[in-house]
Amino acid sequence: MGSLDGTQSWRIHDRRRLNLARIAGVNIPTNKRVVVALQYIHGIGPRFAQEIMEKVNLAADRRVNDLSDAEVLQIREMIDRDYRVEGDLRRETSMNIKRLMDLGCYRGLRHRRGLPVRGQRTHTNARTRKGPAKAIAGKKK
């Protein structure tokens, strides 16, 4: 898999012989455009993907399998240096929620109780946050 035999070292060979580029610990598909493929990384959306493309000076229509090792390495280094993605981002988010819960503020209490945090109504709806409806005996008229 090294560069001795001429293959590109950043590619991983799958059982189905698909090549996958690995950036920030995520296998991104090689048949897609780079802007779309970068969005498979948690924490990189359309805006950051476009920003990365501009910083690396890549054309918008380039596909991942057309990238050289140097370009993939440049993208990987930029993401590691300038952006908080994947595990670091998830850890920071969970630490922020834990901090709110430890403070005992209103938002922390809502997180602790599993209710909507941002002022949504709960008399009806909010089923995603509250879970499936629980039957209460004698409630029906």
Foldseek 3Di string as FASTA:
>chain_A
DDPPVPDAPQWDQDPVRATFGAAPNDTFHQADFQLVRVCVWAQDDNVNSVVLCVVLVHDRRHTNVPDHNVSSVSSRVCCVPPHQTDPRVVVVVVVVLVVLLVVVDQQNVCVVQQFDRPDDDDPDDRCVRNPDDDDDPPPDD
